[in-house]
Protein backbone atom coordinates (compact mmCIF):
# COMPACT_ATOMS: atom_id res chain seq x y z
CA MET A 1 -0.35 0.02 -0.09
CA GLU A 2 1.87 3.17 -1.22
CA GLU A 3 0.69 6.31 0.75
CA GLU A 4 -0.71 9.40 -0.81
CA LEU A 5 1.88 12.38 -1.39
CA ASN A 6 1.09 15.88 -1.99
CA TYR A 7 3.74 18.10 -2.35
CA VAL A 8 2.74 21.98 -1.84
CA THR A 9 5.82 24.62 -2.67
CA PRO A 10 4.66 27.59 -0.32
CA THR A 11 4.74 30.79 -1.80
CA PHE A 12 5.86 33.99 -0.28
CA LYS A 13 4.48 37.24 -1.33
CA ARG A 14 6.90 40.02 -1.59
CA ASP A 15 5.76 43.49 -1.92
CA GLY A 16 6.48 44.36 -5.51
CA ALA A 17 7.04 40.64 -6.78
CA PRO A 18 5.60 39.91 -10.29
CA ALA A 19 2.01 38.46 -10.03
CA ARG A 20 3.56 35.88 -12.64
CA GLU A 21 5.39 33.87 -9.99
CA GLU A 22 2.26 33.61 -8.43
CA ALA A 23 0.04 31.89 -11.43
CA SER A 24 3.15 29.47 -11.99
CA SER A 25 3.36 28.20 -8.52
CA VAL A 26 -0.34 27.42 -8.67
CA ILE A 27 -0.11 25.36 -11.77
CA TYR A 28 2.87 23.73 -10.27
CA ASP A 29 1.17 22.63 -7.03
CA GLN A 30 -2.30 21.38 -8.85
CA VAL A 31 -0.08 19.46 -11.28
CA LEU A 32 1.44 18.01 -8.54
CA VAL A 33 -1.54 16.93 -6.74
CA ASN A 34 -2.86 15.03 -9.70
CA ILE A 35 0.44 13.25 -10.27
CA GLY A 36 0.06 11.95 -6.99
CA ARG A 37 -3.46 10.65 -7.43
CA GLU A 38 -3.16 8.78 -10.83
CA ASN A 39 -0.01 6.65 -9.11
CA THR A 40 -2.37 5.66 -6.42
CA ILE A 41 -2.92 2.18 -6.34
CA THR A 42 -6.24 0.87 -4.93
CA PRO A 43 -6.22 -2.00 -2.88
CA GLU A 44 -8.05 -5.44 -3.30
CA ASN A 45 -10.99 -6.17 -1.26
CA PRO A 46 -9.65 -8.98 1.63
CA SER A 47 -13.28 -10.01 1.39
CA GLU A 48 -13.74 -10.96 -2.41
CA LYS A 49 -10.36 -12.32 -2.74
CA ARG A 50 -11.59 -14.51 0.11
CA GLU A 51 -15.17 -15.53 -1.63
CA GLY A 52 -13.25 -15.96 -5.16
CA GLY A 53 -11.14 -18.59 -3.16
CA TYR A 54 -14.05 -20.28 -1.77
CA LEU A 55 -16.36 -20.47 -4.44
CA GLN A 56 -14.15 -23.28 -6.32
CA PRO A 57 -13.66 -25.98 -3.51
CA LEU A 58 -17.42 -25.27 -3.04
CA LEU A 59 -18.47 -26.29 -6.17
CA CYS A 60 -16.22 -29.21 -5.93
CA VAL A 61 -17.80 -30.53 -3.43
CA LEU A 62 -21.60 -30.01 -4.47
CA ALA A 63 -20.37 -31.96 -7.32
CA ALA A 64 -19.09 -35.04 -5.60
CA ALA A 65 -22.67 -34.43 -3.56
CA LEU A 66 -24.52 -34.79 -6.54
CA GLY A 67 -22.51 -37.31 -7.71
CA ILE A 68 -22.60 -39.70 -4.37
CA VAL A 69 -26.68 -39.32 -4.63
CA CYS A 70 -26.49 -40.46 -7.76
CA VAL A 71 -24.97 -43.46 -7.63
CA ILE A 72 -27.48 -43.93 -3.66
CA LEU A 73 -30.33 -43.54 -6.61
CA VAL A 74 -29.30 -45.76 -8.88
CA SER A 75 -27.90 -48.51 -6.94
CA VAL A 76 -31.69 -47.83 -5.05
CA ILE A 77 -33.44 -48.13 -7.92
CA ILE A 78 -31.86 -51.51 -9.22
CA MET A 79 -32.12 -52.70 -6.03
CA LEU A 80 -36.10 -51.91 -6.21
CA SER A 81 -36.36 -53.61 -9.27
CA ASN A 82 -34.67 -56.83 -8.42
CA ARG A 83 -36.94 -56.99 -5.60
CA ILE A 84 -40.05 -56.42 -7.86
CA SER A 85 -38.95 -59.08 -10.03
CA ALA A 86 -38.48 -61.64 -7.45
CA VAL A 87 -41.92 -60.85 -6.08
CA LYS A 88 -43.30 -60.79 -9.72
CA SER A 89 -41.81 -64.31 -10.47
CA GLU A 90 -43.24 -65.79 -6.81
CA GLN A 91 -46.63 -64.11 -7.24
CA GLU A 92 -46.40 -66.17 -11.08
CA ARG A 93 -45.17 -69.45 -9.42
CA GLU A 94 -48.08 -69.15 -6.64
CA ILE A 95 -50.30 -68.73 -9.63
CA LYS A 96 -49.04 -71.58 -11.76
CA ASN A 97 -49.68 -73.86 -8.03
CA PHE A 98 -53.22 -72.57 -7.68
CA THR A 99 -54.21 -73.36 -11.23
CA THR A 100 -52.67 -76.65 -10.85
CA GLN A 101 -54.72 -77.24 -7.43
CA VAL A 102 -57.30 -75.94 -8.89
CA LEU A 103 -57.25 -78.76 -12.07
CA GLN A 104 -56.35 -81.29 -9.26
CA LEU A 105 -59.56 -80.16 -7.54
CA GLY A 106 -61.87 -80.34 -10.66
CA ARG A 107 -60.61 -84.03 -11.78
CA LYS A 108 -61.19 -84.87 -7.90
CA THR A 109 -64.78 -83.19 -8.27
CA GLU A 110 -65.54 -85.22 -11.46
CA GLU A 111 -64.00 -88.57 -9.93
CA ILE A 112 -66.42 -88.02 -6.79
CA ALA A 113 -69.49 -86.87 -9.37
CA ARG A 114 -69.15 -90.20 -11.13
CA ASP A 115 -68.77 -92.52 -7.76
CA ARG A 116 -72.22 -90.52 -6.87
CA ASP A 117 -73.60 -91.80 -10.00
CA GLN A 118 -72.36 -94.88 -9.82
CA LEU A 119 -73.77 -95.34 -6.27
CA ASN A 120 -77.37 -93.90 -7.17
CA TRP A 121 -77.31 -96.51 -10.19
CA THR A 122 -76.38 -99.23 -8.24
CA LEU A 123 -78.95 -98.24 -5.37
CA GLY A 124 -81.57 -98.09 -8.05
CA VAL A 125 -80.97 -101.66 -9.47
CA ILE A 126 -81.37 -103.06 -5.40
CA LEU A 127 -84.49 -101.16 -5.35
CA GLN A 128 -85.55 -103.02 -8.06
CA TYR A 129 -84.83 -106.57 -6.97
CA ASP A 130 -87.25 -108.35 -4.02
CA VAL A 131 -83.69 -110.23 -3.07
CA PHE A 132 -80.86 -109.17 -4.78
CA SER A 133 -77.81 -111.03 -4.60
CA VAL A 134 -75.00 -109.66 -3.67
CA ASN A 135 -72.56 -112.50 -4.71
CA VAL A 136 -73.75 -111.92 -8.29
CA HIS A 137 -73.66 -108.46 -8.63
CA CYS A 138 -70.94 -107.23 -6.16
CA PRO A 139 -68.20 -109.74 -6.36
CA GLN A 140 -65.73 -109.77 -3.96
CA ARG A 141 -67.74 -106.81 -1.65
CA VAL A 142 -66.98 -104.39 -5.65
CA CYS A 143 -70.45 -103.63 -6.80
CA LYS A 144 -70.26 -103.47 -11.00
CA PRO A 145 -72.80 -101.75 -13.11
CA CYS A 146 -73.78 -104.84 -15.08
CA GLU A 147 -72.85 -108.64 -14.25
CA ASP A 148 -70.07 -110.42 -15.97
CA GLY A 149 -71.41 -111.06 -19.51
CA TRP A 150 -73.76 -108.36 -20.06
CA ILE A 151 -72.95 -104.74 -21.84
CA ARG A 152 -74.07 -101.18 -20.25
CA PHE A 153 -75.38 -98.64 -22.67
CA LYS A 154 -76.19 -95.55 -20.41
CA SER A 155 -78.49 -96.86 -17.12
CA ASN A 156 -79.33 -100.34 -18.68
CA CYS A 157 -77.47 -103.81 -18.67
CA TYR A 158 -78.12 -106.28 -22.29
CA LEU A 159 -77.14 -109.87 -22.83
CA PHE A 160 -76.70 -110.77 -26.16
CA GLN A 161 -77.14 -114.39 -26.26
CA GLU A 162 -75.60 -116.61 -29.29
CA SER A 163 -75.74 -120.19 -30.00
CA SER A 164 -75.00 -122.21 -32.86
CA TYR A 165 -77.13 -125.38 -31.76
CA TYR A 166 -80.94 -125.34 -32.53
CA TYR A 167 -81.96 -127.23 -29.59
CA HIS A 168 -80.63 -123.77 -27.39
CA TRP A 169 -83.01 -121.75 -29.75
CA ARG A 170 -86.24 -120.34 -27.80
CA SER A 171 -89.19 -118.94 -29.08
CA TRP A 172 -90.19 -115.75 -27.88
CA GLU A 173 -92.03 -116.63 -25.07
CA GLY A 174 -88.84 -118.82 -23.83
CA SER A 175 -86.98 -116.22 -24.35
CA ARG A 176 -88.52 -113.26 -22.19
CA LYS A 177 -89.01 -116.52 -19.75
CA LYS A 178 -85.52 -116.61 -19.62
CA CYS A 179 -84.76 -112.92 -19.34
CA ASN A 180 -87.42 -113.37 -16.15
CA GLU A 181 -85.11 -115.99 -14.46
CA MET A 182 -82.58 -113.27 -14.52
CA MET A 183 -84.57 -110.49 -13.35
CA ALA A 184 -84.74 -109.33 -16.70
CA ASP A 185 -86.77 -108.91 -19.52
CA LEU A 186 -86.87 -108.19 -23.20
CA VAL A 187 -85.46 -105.34 -24.42
CA MET A 188 -88.05 -102.03 -25.36
CA ILE A 189 -86.29 -99.91 -28.11
CA GLU A 190 -86.69 -96.26 -27.00
CA SER A 191 -84.54 -94.34 -29.09
CA LEU A 192 -82.16 -94.32 -32.24
CA GLU A 193 -79.16 -94.35 -29.69
CA GLU A 194 -80.73 -97.90 -28.28
CA GLN A 195 -81.48 -98.94 -31.57
CA GLU A 196 -78.08 -98.35 -33.18
CA PHE A 197 -76.35 -99.69 -30.25
CA ILE A 198 -78.30 -102.90 -30.21
CA ASN A 199 -77.58 -103.30 -34.07
CA ASN A 200 -73.93 -103.20 -33.48
CA TYR A 201 -73.70 -106.01 -31.44
CA THR A 202 -76.66 -108.24 -33.22
CA GLU A 203 -75.65 -107.79 -37.23
CA GLY A 204 -73.68 -110.35 -37.00
CA TYR A 205 -75.87 -112.80 -35.85
CA ASN A 206 -79.13 -111.73 -37.41
CA ASP A 207 -79.68 -114.05 -40.60
CA ASP A 208 -82.78 -115.94 -42.16
CA ALA A 209 -81.91 -119.07 -39.33
CA HIS A 210 -80.26 -116.64 -36.64
CA GLY A 211 -82.02 -113.71 -34.91
CA TYR A 212 -82.78 -111.88 -31.64
CA TRP A 213 -86.17 -111.35 -29.85
CA ILE A 214 -87.00 -107.94 -28.90
CA GLY A 215 -90.06 -107.09 -26.74
CA LEU A 216 -92.21 -106.38 -29.29
CA SER A 217 -94.96 -109.13 -30.22
CA ASN A 218 -98.74 -108.99 -31.43
CA ASN A 219 -99.91 -111.91 -29.10
CA ASN A 220 -102.92 -110.10 -27.62
CA ILE A 221 -106.77 -110.39 -28.50
CA ASN A 222 -106.82 -107.75 -31.85
CA GLY A 223 -103.60 -108.50 -32.83
CA THR A 224 -101.83 -105.35 -32.88
CA TRP A 225 -98.20 -104.82 -32.07
CA MET A 226 -97.40 -103.85 -29.15
CA TRP A 227 -93.97 -103.66 -26.28
CA ILE A 228 -94.03 -105.74 -23.04
CA ASN A 229 -95.27 -102.92 -21.01
CA GLY A 230 -98.36 -102.53 -23.11
CA SER A 231 -98.09 -99.31 -24.33
CA ASN A 232 -98.71 -99.05 -28.97
CA PHE A 233 -95.66 -99.86 -31.06
CA THR A 234 -95.41 -96.35 -33.75
CA VAL A 235 -93.34 -96.28 -36.50
CA GLU A 236 -91.53 -92.55 -36.24
């Protein structure tokens, strides 16, 4: 820091001195003052210098802090993404297991329904007999829908007997009597499906010398064709 120097030349006026010297003295004084002012150096403000020096480190700290925050945010996002993927996979496995269990329960339900229908059918068959033979219908205590040799179609059992010997052939009355002995009767065809079912089992034994009796006859007073239950025969 330089001090401001002012040079002043004192001038003493003497009596009778010319006025020219006083004027030049004043001009010289002003010149020295102006020169001194021009050579003066303005000092720097210490507070501004400190602020400029602190600004750069502060920016570095902020940049580092922002970088750390970004790294933390990225890490959190990755962790959350992995967690969401794990939860989603677990939910998919649970849904798959639940679907499998539902399918298994559906199959179990179908099996139970079939067993129920079988029991109801067996009960219906038992109720048709005055004396139900367990040994015949339920060998080894396992009830079957039909006896051995009989064929089941819907809720009925059918027996197709074939014989190549003439003495085994029976008349309509003899065939019905044989059926009655087995707690059955000659068949009454009640639907086209039943007729097709019967045709599939009688086609090879139906010719001029062989055939099967059904529950249809004209052995009545009027000579009309009637079923064994008394209903009239109609052609559809």
